[in-house]
Amino acid sequence: MNDILIAMRERALADAAFREALLLTRKAEDPLLALCDFAQTHGYALSLGDIISDGEEFCCNQMKSTNGGNPMPYDCFGFDDAYEMFFMSIL
């Protein structure tokens, strides 16, 4: 998870009303957009791109950190879904 989701997670774990409001965003027609709108309304600069790119960025960095490139790049592509991981961490 990125720093913004971590900060929101910490607040959700300490503030039950905030947590419940976050959980309600999952019932929206577009839950990802609802989460971003909720975050921005509460002072967190979270965008769709932030959430979507989290897993990809980690994997790409893992591949680049191997001398000469990862010899088995597709073993790395288990992108964690930052959106799902965030909600699992506050349930």
N, C-alpha and C. Protein backbone atom coordinates (compact mmCIF):
# COMPACT_ATOMS: atom_id res chain seq x y z
N MET A 1 0.84 -1.19 0.00
CA MET A 1 0.00 0.00 0.00
C MET A 1 0.88 1.24 0.00
N ASN A 2 0.37 2.28 -0.61
CA ASN A 2 1.12 3.54 -0.62
C ASN A 2 0.91 4.30 0.70
N ASP A 3 1.66 5.38 0.86
CA ASP A 3 1.63 6.14 2.12
C ASP A 3 0.25 6.68 2.45
N ILE A 4 -0.50 7.08 1.44
CA ILE A 4 -1.83 7.64 1.69
C ILE A 4 -2.76 6.56 2.23
N LEU A 5 -2.75 5.39 1.61
CA LEU A 5 -3.60 4.30 2.09
C LEU A 5 -3.18 3.86 3.49
N ILE A 6 -1.90 3.89 3.77
CA ILE A 6 -1.43 3.53 5.11
C ILE A 6 -1.94 4.54 6.14
N ALA A 7 -1.89 5.83 5.80
CA ALA A 7 -2.40 6.86 6.71
C ALA A 7 -3.91 6.70 6.92
N MET A 8 -4.63 6.41 5.84
CA MET A 8 -6.07 6.20 5.97
C MET A 8 -6.36 4.94 6.79
N ARG A 9 -5.55 3.92 6.63
CA ARG A 9 -5.72 2.69 7.40
C ARG A 9 -5.56 2.98 8.89
N GLU A 10 -4.52 3.73 9.23
CA GLU A 10 -4.27 4.06 10.64
C GLU A 10 -5.45 4.83 11.23
N ARG A 11 -5.98 5.77 10.46
CA ARG A 11 -7.12 6.55 10.95
C ARG A 11 -8.35 5.65 11.09
N ALA A 12 -8.56 4.76 10.12
CA ALA A 12 -9.72 3.87 10.17
C ALA A 12 -9.66 2.94 11.37
N LEU A 13 -8.47 2.50 11.73
CA LEU A 13 -8.33 1.62 12.88
C LEU A 13 -8.54 2.35 14.20
N ALA A 14 -8.34 3.67 14.19
CA ALA A 14 -8.51 4.46 15.41
C ALA A 14 -9.88 5.14 15.49
N ASP A 15 -10.56 5.30 14.36
CA ASP A 15 -11.81 6.06 14.30
C ASP A 15 -12.89 5.19 13.65
N ALA A 16 -13.79 4.65 14.46
CA ALA A 16 -14.80 3.71 13.98
C ALA A 16 -15.75 4.34 12.95
N ALA A 17 -16.09 5.60 13.13
CA ALA A 17 -17.00 6.27 12.18
C ALA A 17 -16.33 6.42 10.81
N PHE A 18 -15.05 6.78 10.83
CA PHE A 18 -14.30 6.91 9.58
C PHE A 18 -14.22 5.55 8.89
N ARG A 19 -13.96 4.52 9.66
CA ARG A 19 -13.86 3.16 9.13
C ARG A 19 -15.17 2.72 8.48
N GLU A 20 -16.28 2.95 9.17
CA GLU A 20 -17.58 2.56 8.63
C GLU A 20 -17.90 3.32 7.34
N ALA A 21 -17.56 4.59 7.31
CA ALA A 21 -17.79 5.38 6.09
C ALA A 21 -16.93 4.86 4.94
N LEU A 22 -15.71 4.47 5.25
CA LEU A 22 -14.84 3.88 4.22
C LEU A 22 -15.44 2.59 3.68
N LEU A 23 -15.91 1.75 4.57
CA LEU A 23 -16.50 0.47 4.16
C LEU A 23 -17.73 0.67 3.28
N LEU A 24 -18.46 1.73 3.50
CA LEU A 24 -19.64 2.02 2.67
C LEU A 24 -19.27 2.34 1.22
N THR A 25 -18.07 2.84 0.99
CA THR A 25 -17.68 3.16 -0.39
C THR A 25 -17.65 1.91 -1.26
N ARG A 26 -17.51 0.75 -0.66
CA ARG A 26 -17.46 -0.50 -1.44
C ARG A 26 -18.81 -0.82 -2.09
N LYS A 27 -19.88 -0.20 -1.61
CA LYS A 27 -21.21 -0.47 -2.15
C LYS A 27 -21.60 0.50 -3.26
N ALA A 28 -20.74 1.44 -3.57
CA ALA A 28 -21.02 2.43 -4.62
C ALA A 28 -20.99 1.76 -6.00
N GLU A 29 -21.59 2.43 -6.97
CA GLU A 29 -21.58 1.92 -8.35
C GLU A 29 -20.16 1.76 -8.86
N ASP A 30 -19.30 2.72 -8.52
CA ASP A 30 -17.88 2.64 -8.87
C ASP A 30 -17.09 2.75 -7.56
N PRO A 31 -16.83 1.62 -6.89
CA PRO A 31 -16.22 1.65 -5.55
C PRO A 31 -14.83 2.30 -5.52
N LEU A 32 -14.04 2.10 -6.54
CA LEU A 32 -12.69 2.67 -6.57
C LEU A 32 -12.76 4.19 -6.61
N LEU A 33 -13.62 4.71 -7.47
CA LEU A 33 -13.80 6.16 -7.56
C LEU A 33 -14.40 6.71 -6.26
N ALA A 34 -15.34 5.96 -5.67
CA ALA A 34 -15.94 6.40 -4.41
C ALA A 34 -14.89 6.49 -3.31
N LEU A 35 -13.97 5.53 -3.27
CA LEU A 35 -12.90 5.58 -2.28
C LEU A 35 -12.04 6.82 -2.49
N CYS A 36 -11.68 7.10 -3.73
CA CYS A 36 -10.84 8.27 -4.01
C CYS A 36 -11.57 9.57 -3.65
N ASP A 37 -12.85 9.65 -4.00
CA ASP A 37 -13.63 10.85 -3.65
C ASP A 37 -13.72 11.02 -2.13
N PHE A 38 -13.96 9.92 -1.43
CA PHE A 38 -14.03 9.95 0.03
C PHE A 38 -12.69 10.42 0.61
N ALA A 39 -11.61 9.86 0.11
CA ALA A 39 -10.27 10.22 0.60
C ALA A 39 -10.00 11.71 0.39
N GLN A 40 -10.30 12.20 -0.81
CA GLN A 40 -10.04 13.61 -1.11
C GLN A 40 -10.90 14.53 -0.26
N THR A 41 -12.13 14.11 0.02
CA THR A 41 -13.02 14.90 0.88
C THR A 41 -12.47 15.00 2.30
N HIS A 42 -11.71 13.99 2.71
CA HIS A 42 -11.16 13.97 4.07
C HIS A 42 -9.68 14.37 4.11
N GLY A 43 -9.20 15.03 3.05
CA GLY A 43 -7.86 15.59 3.06
C GLY A 43 -6.73 14.67 2.61
N TYR A 44 -7.07 13.55 2.01
CA TYR A 44 -6.05 12.62 1.51
C TYR A 44 -6.01 12.71 -0.01
N ALA A 45 -4.86 13.04 -0.57
CA ALA A 45 -4.72 13.21 -2.02
C ALA A 45 -4.54 11.87 -2.71
N LEU A 46 -5.60 11.10 -2.77
CA LEU A 46 -5.57 9.77 -3.36
C LEU A 46 -6.24 9.80 -4.72
N SER A 47 -5.57 9.22 -5.72
CA SER A 47 -6.14 9.17 -7.06
C SER A 47 -6.27 7.72 -7.52
N LEU A 48 -7.05 7.52 -8.56
CA LEU A 48 -7.19 6.18 -9.13
C LEU A 48 -5.82 5.62 -9.53
N GLY A 49 -5.00 6.46 -10.13
CA GLY A 49 -3.67 6.03 -10.56
C GLY A 49 -2.80 5.57 -9.41
N ASP A 50 -2.94 6.21 -8.25
CA ASP A 50 -2.17 5.80 -7.07
C ASP A 50 -2.47 4.36 -6.70
N ILE A 51 -3.74 4.02 -6.72
CA ILE A 51 -4.16 2.68 -6.31
C ILE A 51 -3.79 1.65 -7.37
N ILE A 52 -4.06 1.98 -8.61
CA ILE A 52 -3.85 1.02 -9.70
C ILE A 52 -2.36 0.72 -9.90
N SER A 53 -1.52 1.72 -9.74
CA SER A 53 -0.10 1.53 -10.05
C SER A 53 0.72 0.93 -8.90
N ASP A 54 0.14 0.83 -7.71
CA ASP A 54 0.90 0.33 -6.55
C ASP A 54 1.58 -1.00 -6.79
N GLY A 55 0.84 -2.02 -7.14
CA GLY A 55 1.42 -3.35 -7.34
C GLY A 55 2.37 -3.40 -8.51
N GLU A 56 2.02 -2.72 -9.58
CA GLU A 56 2.86 -2.73 -10.77
C GLU A 56 4.22 -2.08 -10.48
N GLU A 57 4.22 -0.98 -9.78
CA GLU A 57 5.48 -0.29 -9.47
C GLU A 57 6.40 -1.17 -8.64
N PHE A 58 5.84 -1.85 -7.64
CA PHE A 58 6.64 -2.73 -6.81
C PHE A 58 7.29 -3.83 -7.65
N CYS A 59 6.49 -4.47 -8.49
CA CYS A 59 7.01 -5.56 -9.31
C CYS A 59 8.08 -5.07 -10.28
N CYS A 60 7.83 -3.95 -10.91
CA CYS A 60 8.82 -3.40 -11.85
C CYS A 60 10.13 -3.08 -11.14
N ASN A 61 10.05 -2.54 -9.94
CA ASN A 61 11.26 -2.25 -9.18
C ASN A 61 12.00 -3.53 -8.81
N GLN A 62 11.27 -4.59 -8.50
CA GLN A 62 11.89 -5.87 -8.19
C GLN A 62 12.66 -6.39 -9.41
N MET A 63 12.06 -6.25 -10.57
CA MET A 63 12.72 -6.74 -11.79
C MET A 63 13.97 -5.91 -12.11
N LYS A 64 13.91 -4.61 -11.90
CA LYS A 64 15.05 -3.75 -12.21
C LYS A 64 16.18 -3.92 -11.20
N SER A 65 15.87 -4.38 -10.00
CA SER A 65 16.89 -4.47 -8.96
C SER A 65 17.78 -5.69 -9.12
N THR A 66 17.40 -6.60 -9.99
CA THR A 66 18.21 -7.81 -10.21
C THR A 66 19.27 -7.49 -11.25
N ASN A 67 20.52 -7.83 -10.96
CA ASN A 67 21.61 -7.55 -11.88
C ASN A 67 21.33 -8.21 -13.23
N GLY A 68 21.19 -7.39 -14.26
CA GLY A 68 20.92 -7.92 -15.59
C GLY A 68 19.44 -8.19 -15.83
N GLY A 69 18.60 -7.86 -14.91
CA GLY A 69 17.17 -8.10 -15.07
C GLY A 69 16.77 -9.42 -14.45
N ASN A 70 15.57 -9.53 -14.08
CA ASN A 70 15.06 -10.75 -13.46
C ASN A 70 15.04 -11.86 -14.51
N PRO A 71 15.71 -12.99 -14.28
CA PRO A 71 15.72 -14.05 -15.28
C PRO A 71 14.35 -14.72 -15.45
N MET A 72 13.48 -14.55 -14.49
CA MET A 72 12.13 -15.12 -14.58
C MET A 72 11.13 -14.03 -14.23
N PRO A 73 10.97 -13.02 -15.12
CA PRO A 73 10.17 -11.85 -14.78
C PRO A 73 8.72 -12.16 -14.45
N TYR A 74 8.16 -13.18 -15.03
CA TYR A 74 6.73 -13.42 -14.82
C TYR A 74 6.45 -14.07 -13.48
N ASP A 75 7.48 -14.55 -12.79
CA ASP A 75 7.29 -15.05 -11.44
C ASP A 75 7.00 -13.90 -10.47
N CYS A 76 7.41 -12.71 -10.86
CA CYS A 76 7.25 -11.53 -10.01
C CYS A 76 5.85 -10.95 -10.12
N PHE A 77 5.15 -11.23 -11.20
CA PHE A 77 3.89 -10.54 -11.47
C PHE A 77 2.72 -11.09 -10.69
N GLY A 78 2.80 -11.02 -9.39
CA GLY A 78 1.67 -11.34 -8.55
C GLY A 78 1.17 -10.05 -7.95
N PHE A 79 0.91 -9.04 -8.80
CA PHE A 79 0.52 -7.72 -8.30
C PHE A 79 -0.54 -7.86 -7.22
N ASP A 80 -0.25 -7.34 -6.07
CA ASP A 80 -1.27 -7.28 -5.03
C ASP A 80 -2.26 -6.18 -5.42
N ASP A 81 -3.50 -6.42 -5.19
CA ASP A 81 -4.53 -5.44 -5.45
C ASP A 81 -4.58 -4.50 -4.25
N ALA A 82 -4.04 -3.30 -4.41
CA ALA A 82 -3.94 -2.36 -3.29
C ALA A 82 -5.31 -2.05 -2.70
N TYR A 83 -6.32 -1.96 -3.55
CA TYR A 83 -7.68 -1.68 -3.08
C TYR A 83 -8.15 -2.79 -2.14
N GLU A 84 -8.05 -4.02 -2.58
CA GLU A 84 -8.49 -5.15 -1.76
C GLU A 84 -7.63 -5.31 -0.50
N MET A 85 -6.33 -5.14 -0.65
CA MET A 85 -5.42 -5.25 0.49
C MET A 85 -5.75 -4.19 1.55
N PHE A 86 -6.10 -2.99 1.09
CA PHE A 86 -6.46 -1.92 2.02
C PHE A 86 -7.69 -2.32 2.84
N PHE A 87 -8.73 -2.79 2.16
CA PHE A 87 -9.94 -3.15 2.89
C PHE A 87 -9.75 -4.37 3.76
N MET A 88 -8.94 -5.32 3.33
CA MET A 88 -8.66 -6.46 4.18
C MET A 88 -7.97 -6.02 5.47
N SER A 89 -7.15 -4.98 5.38
CA SER A 89 -6.40 -4.54 6.55
C SER A 89 -7.25 -3.78 7.57
N ILE A 90 -8.44 -3.32 7.17
CA ILE A 90 -9.28 -2.58 8.13
C ILE A 90 -10.50 -3.39 8.57
N LEU A 91 -10.69 -4.56 8.04
CA LEU A 91 -11.84 -5.38 8.45
C LEU A 91 -11.62 -6.01 9.80
